[in-house]
Amino acid sequence: MRIALGIEYVGTAFCGWQTQHHARTVQNCLETALSKVADHPISTFCAGRTDTGVHALGQVIHFETAVDRNLKAWTLGTNYYLPKDISVLWVKIVDEQFHARFSALQRHYNYLIINRPTRPAVLRELATWEYRPLAVAQMQMGAHYLIGTHDFTSYRSTACQAPNPVRTLTKISVSRRGENLIISVSANAFLHHMVRNIAGVLMAIGRGEHSPEWALEVLKARDRTVGGMTAPAAGLYLMGVDYPNFSSLSDPPPW
């Protein structure tokens, strides 16, 4: 039986998603909890491997088991064994062709910026703080140049191991809700640090350090060194994943 789970987590205290022998990761904690419910070792596969400090509201994973449990048992039982910074949101039985990563049609990320003169306390590890005013209209103009299918070499980490830097960005928007600014990005797939590098470029444009056209200049350069700083991990959220028969996209958070 193949089972898919939707999970959310606060990434602050994790060294990313992927299992590491001597570090606390989301995958380690989740597989430990699932194995206790199943009473046998469970291996999981995720839609997107988040980095250290990155959060998720709509991560999707799948695993296989021969154990017969009802969906409520998988949900409540797994949550019972999970630490408080991870929670199972839903459980779904899927067919054998489903794969959390390879069946995904589109992934959605939000990048949250608190834009005010004083540093945040409550959301200090859940958002990025920018004390200088950000011009949303200028950022949106810059973002528009990135929509479509492009070589995103300039927007990926120099350590990215993906063999092909071409990705299709289907949506990118910049909006403000009071002192909170949200960059929403959707694509068929993402490169390592791609959203954080996009956020770094757009924030520089928003501060008036570059014109909106700079986002296109960076894209065309196909050179990471021209792209400026990588925005901090704390502001990044995996919001949801689209599949042929359903979507895990969560409701917008109350920011």
Protein backbone atom coordinates (compact mmCIF):
# COMPACT_ATOMS: atom_id res chain seq x y z
CA MET A 1 0.00 0.00 0.00
CA ARG A 2 1.33 3.43 -0.92
CA ILE A 3 0.30 6.30 1.32
CA ALA A 4 0.75 10.05 0.88
CA LEU A 5 0.92 12.50 3.79
CA GLY A 6 0.66 16.26 3.93
CA ILE A 7 2.83 17.75 6.65
CA GLU A 8 3.80 21.11 8.05
CA TYR A 9 6.85 22.02 10.09
CA VAL A 10 8.85 24.87 11.53
CA GLY A 11 12.31 24.44 10.07
CA THR A 12 14.20 26.54 12.61
CA ALA A 13 15.54 23.65 14.71
CA PHE A 14 16.11 21.24 11.80
CA CYS A 15 19.14 20.79 9.57
CA GLY A 16 16.81 20.59 6.60
CA TRP A 17 14.61 17.78 5.35
CA GLN A 18 17.07 15.08 4.35
CA THR A 19 18.33 12.43 6.78
CA GLN A 20 21.73 13.08 8.32
CA HIS A 21 23.45 10.74 10.77
CA HIS A 22 24.49 13.34 13.33
CA ALA A 23 21.91 16.09 12.90
CA ARG A 24 18.20 16.60 13.58
CA THR A 25 16.22 16.53 10.34
CA VAL A 26 12.54 16.43 9.41
CA GLN A 27 12.92 13.13 7.57
CA ASN A 28 14.58 11.47 10.57
CA CYS A 29 11.83 12.54 12.95
CA LEU A 30 9.02 11.64 10.55
CA GLU A 31 10.38 8.19 9.70
CA THR A 32 10.89 7.43 13.39
CA ALA A 33 7.27 8.32 14.16
CA LEU A 34 5.83 6.44 11.16
CA SER A 35 7.91 3.36 11.97
CA LYS A 36 6.41 3.26 15.46
CA VAL A 37 2.87 3.39 14.08
CA ALA A 38 3.63 0.79 11.40
CA ASP A 39 5.72 -1.37 13.74
CA HIS A 40 8.32 -1.75 10.99
CA PRO A 41 10.94 0.56 9.41
CA ILE A 42 9.46 3.20 7.09
CA SER A 43 11.31 5.08 4.35
CA THR A 44 9.83 8.32 3.02
CA PHE A 45 10.08 10.35 -0.19
CA CYS A 46 9.25 14.06 -0.26
CA ALA A 47 8.08 16.56 -2.86
CA GLY A 48 10.85 19.04 -2.12
CA ARG A 49 13.92 18.79 0.10
CA THR A 50 13.92 21.95 2.18
CA ASP A 51 17.16 23.40 3.55
CA THR A 52 18.18 24.21 7.11
CA GLY A 53 15.81 26.76 8.62
CA VAL A 54 13.20 26.53 5.83
CA HIS A 55 9.58 25.92 6.83
CA ALA A 56 6.66 24.06 5.20
CA LEU A 57 2.90 24.44 5.32
CA GLY A 58 2.21 21.98 2.50
CA GLN A 59 5.03 19.45 2.19
CA VAL A 60 3.97 16.12 0.65
CA ILE A 61 5.62 12.77 1.31
CA HIS A 62 4.84 9.16 0.46
CA PHE A 63 5.81 5.79 1.87
CA GLU A 64 4.92 2.12 1.42
CA THR A 65 3.66 -0.36 3.99
CA ALA A 66 1.89 -3.71 4.17
CA VAL A 67 0.33 -2.79 7.52
CA ASP A 68 -3.42 -2.18 7.59
CA ARG A 69 -4.16 1.04 9.52
CA ASN A 70 -7.07 3.41 9.05
CA LEU A 71 -6.30 6.97 8.01
CA LYS A 72 -7.12 8.35 11.44
CA ALA A 73 -4.54 6.04 13.01
CA TRP A 74 -1.86 7.20 10.59
CA THR A 75 -2.69 10.85 11.28
CA LEU A 76 -3.18 10.85 15.06
CA GLY A 77 -0.70 8.06 15.77
CA THR A 78 2.09 9.69 13.81
CA ASN A 79 1.41 13.08 15.39
CA TYR A 80 1.58 11.45 18.82
CA TYR A 81 5.17 10.39 18.19
CA LEU A 82 6.27 13.53 16.33
CA PRO A 83 7.98 16.50 17.98
CA LYS A 84 5.86 19.61 18.36
CA ASP A 85 7.46 21.39 15.39
CA ILE A 86 6.13 18.81 12.86
CA SER A 87 2.49 17.89 12.26
CA VAL A 88 0.68 15.55 9.87
CA LEU A 89 -2.21 17.44 8.25
CA TRP A 90 -3.81 14.77 6.09
CA VAL A 91 -3.34 11.19 4.88
CA LYS A 92 -4.37 9.76 1.51
CA ILE A 93 -4.07 6.30 -0.04
CA VAL A 94 -2.60 6.69 -3.53
CA ASP A 95 -1.93 4.34 -6.42
CA GLU A 96 1.42 2.71 -7.10
CA GLN A 97 2.26 5.21 -9.83
CA PHE A 98 2.16 8.14 -7.42
CA HIS A 99 5.51 9.60 -6.36
CA ALA A 100 5.71 12.63 -4.06
CA ARG A 101 8.58 14.11 -6.06
CA PHE A 102 8.30 12.83 -9.62
CA SER A 103 4.49 13.04 -9.91
CA ALA A 104 4.45 16.70 -8.86
CA LEU A 105 3.26 19.12 -11.53
CA GLN A 106 4.01 22.32 -9.70
CA ARG A 107 5.41 23.56 -6.39
CA HIS A 108 4.48 26.75 -4.56
CA TYR A 109 6.67 28.79 -2.21
CA ASN A 110 6.13 31.97 -0.23
CA TYR A 111 8.88 34.22 1.05
CA LEU A 112 7.86 36.33 4.04
CA ILE A 113 9.55 39.66 4.82
CA ILE A 114 8.76 41.87 7.81
CA ASN A 115 9.37 45.35 6.46
CA ARG A 116 9.52 47.86 9.30
CA PRO A 117 12.19 49.91 11.12
CA THR A 118 12.24 47.79 14.28
CA ARG A 119 13.34 44.16 14.48
CA PRO A 120 10.67 41.49 15.10
CA ALA A 121 10.56 39.41 18.26
CA VAL A 122 7.65 36.98 17.81
CA LEU A 123 8.43 36.13 14.17
CA ARG A 124 12.19 36.58 14.37
CA GLU A 125 12.84 32.98 13.21
CA LEU A 126 9.79 32.75 10.98
CA ALA A 127 10.46 35.66 8.64
CA THR A 128 13.20 37.85 7.20
CA TRP A 129 13.49 41.37 8.56
CA GLU A 130 14.22 44.33 6.28
CA TYR A 131 14.31 47.71 8.03
CA ARG A 132 14.58 49.76 4.85
CA PRO A 133 11.33 50.50 2.96
CA LEU A 134 10.68 48.14 0.05
CA ALA A 135 8.90 49.36 -3.08
CA VAL A 136 6.45 46.60 -3.97
CA ALA A 137 5.63 47.98 -7.44
CA GLN A 138 9.31 48.02 -8.42
CA MET A 139 9.82 44.49 -7.10
CA GLN A 140 6.80 43.24 -9.06
CA MET A 141 8.15 44.81 -12.24
CA GLY A 142 11.43 42.99 -11.72
CA ALA A 143 9.68 39.73 -10.91
CA HIS A 144 7.75 39.84 -14.18
CA TYR A 145 10.97 39.26 -16.16
CA LEU A 146 11.42 35.87 -14.53
CA ILE A 147 8.11 34.31 -15.61
CA GLY A 148 8.45 31.61 -18.23
CA THR A 149 11.01 28.94 -19.12
CA HIS A 150 14.58 30.12 -18.56
CA ASP A 151 18.09 29.06 -17.65
CA PHE A 152 18.17 30.04 -13.96
CA THR A 153 21.92 29.52 -13.44
CA SER A 154 22.22 33.03 -11.96
CA TYR A 155 19.50 32.23 -9.44
CA ARG A 156 20.80 28.92 -8.14
CA SER A 157 23.43 28.06 -5.57
CA THR A 158 26.95 27.44 -6.84
CA ALA A 159 26.68 24.12 -4.98
CA CYS A 160 23.51 23.11 -6.86
CA GLN A 161 23.91 19.64 -8.34
CA ALA A 162 20.95 19.70 -10.74
CA PRO A 163 22.23 18.71 -14.22
CA ASN A 164 19.84 21.10 -15.97
CA PRO A 165 19.36 24.73 -14.81
CA VAL A 166 16.25 25.28 -16.95
CA ARG A 167 13.01 25.70 -15.02
CA THR A 168 9.54 27.03 -15.83
CA LEU A 169 8.29 29.76 -13.51
CA THR A 170 4.50 29.93 -13.90
CA LYS A 171 3.72 32.63 -11.35
CA ILE A 172 5.51 35.20 -9.23
CA SER A 173 3.84 37.98 -7.28
CA VAL A 174 4.87 40.52 -4.66
CA SER A 175 2.22 41.78 -2.26
CA ARG A 176 2.03 43.70 0.99
CA ARG A 177 -0.22 43.11 3.99
CA GLY A 178 0.56 45.91 6.40
CA GLU A 179 4.18 45.56 7.47
CA ASN A 180 4.44 42.08 5.95
CA LEU A 181 5.60 41.60 2.38
CA ILE A 182 5.10 38.26 0.63
CA ILE A 183 6.83 37.00 -2.51
CA SER A 184 4.83 34.07 -3.95
CA VAL A 185 6.52 31.85 -6.52
CA SER A 186 5.23 28.82 -8.44
CA ALA A 187 7.23 26.59 -10.79
CA ASN A 188 7.39 23.07 -12.13
CA ALA A 189 10.53 22.56 -10.01
CA PHE A 190 13.14 24.65 -8.21
CA LEU A 191 16.91 24.73 -8.09
CA HIS A 192 18.94 24.88 -4.88
CA HIS A 193 18.46 28.31 -3.24
CA MET A 194 16.48 29.48 -6.28
CA VAL A 195 13.64 31.17 -4.37
CA ARG A 196 16.01 32.72 -1.83
CA ASN A 197 18.20 34.12 -4.61
CA ILE A 198 15.14 35.51 -6.40
CA ALA A 199 14.07 37.12 -3.11
CA GLY A 200 17.56 38.60 -2.66
CA VAL A 201 17.47 40.21 -6.11
CA LEU A 202 13.93 41.55 -5.66
CA MET A 203 14.74 42.98 -2.23
CA ALA A 204 17.71 44.85 -3.71
CA ILE A 205 15.38 46.26 -6.36
CA GLY A 206 12.82 47.15 -3.69
CA ARG A 207 15.47 49.09 -1.73
CA GLY A 208 16.25 51.13 -4.84
CA GLU A 209 19.76 49.70 -5.31
CA HIS A 210 18.92 48.50 -8.82
CA SER A 211 16.24 49.09 -11.44
CA PRO A 212 13.62 46.39 -12.11
CA GLU A 213 15.49 45.51 -15.32
CA TRP A 214 18.37 44.23 -13.21
CA ALA A 215 16.39 41.03 -12.55
CA LEU A 216 16.52 40.34 -16.30
CA GLU A 217 20.19 41.28 -16.53
CA VAL A 218 21.00 38.80 -13.78
CA LEU A 219 18.95 36.12 -15.53
CA LYS A 220 20.70 36.65 -18.87
CA ALA A 221 24.16 36.61 -17.31
CA ARG A 222 23.87 32.92 -16.33
CA ASP A 223 26.39 33.67 -13.62
CA ARG A 224 25.57 33.34 -9.92
CA THR A 225 28.21 35.89 -8.92
CA VAL A 226 26.24 38.77 -10.48
CA GLY A 227 23.07 37.97 -8.55
CA GLY A 228 23.73 39.54 -5.16
CA MET A 229 22.99 38.08 -1.76
CA THR A 230 21.01 34.94 -0.95
CA ALA A 231 18.05 35.90 1.24
CA PRO A 232 17.94 34.20 4.68
CA ALA A 233 16.26 30.81 5.08
CA ALA A 234 13.89 31.95 7.84
CA GLY A 235 11.49 33.65 5.43
CA LEU A 236 10.97 30.69 3.09
CA TYR A 237 7.90 28.42 3.18
CA LEU A 238 6.93 25.47 0.99
CA MET A 239 3.23 26.22 0.65
CA GLY A 240 1.96 23.32 -1.41
CA VAL A 241 2.40 20.92 -4.30
CA ASP A 242 0.10 20.19 -7.25
CA TYR A 243 -0.49 16.67 -8.56
CA PRO A 244 -2.66 15.36 -11.41
CA ASN A 245 -5.53 14.47 -9.07
CA PHE A 246 -5.14 16.82 -6.10
CA SER A 247 -3.26 19.75 -4.65
CA SER A 248 -1.72 20.20 -1.22
CA LEU A 249 -1.75 23.99 -1.48
CA SER A 250 -2.65 25.28 1.96
CA ASP A 251 -4.87 28.22 2.82
CA PRO A 252 -2.97 31.52 2.96
CA PRO A 253 -1.45 32.05 6.41
CA PRO A 254 -2.81 34.92 8.57
CA TRP A 255 0.16 37.26 7.99
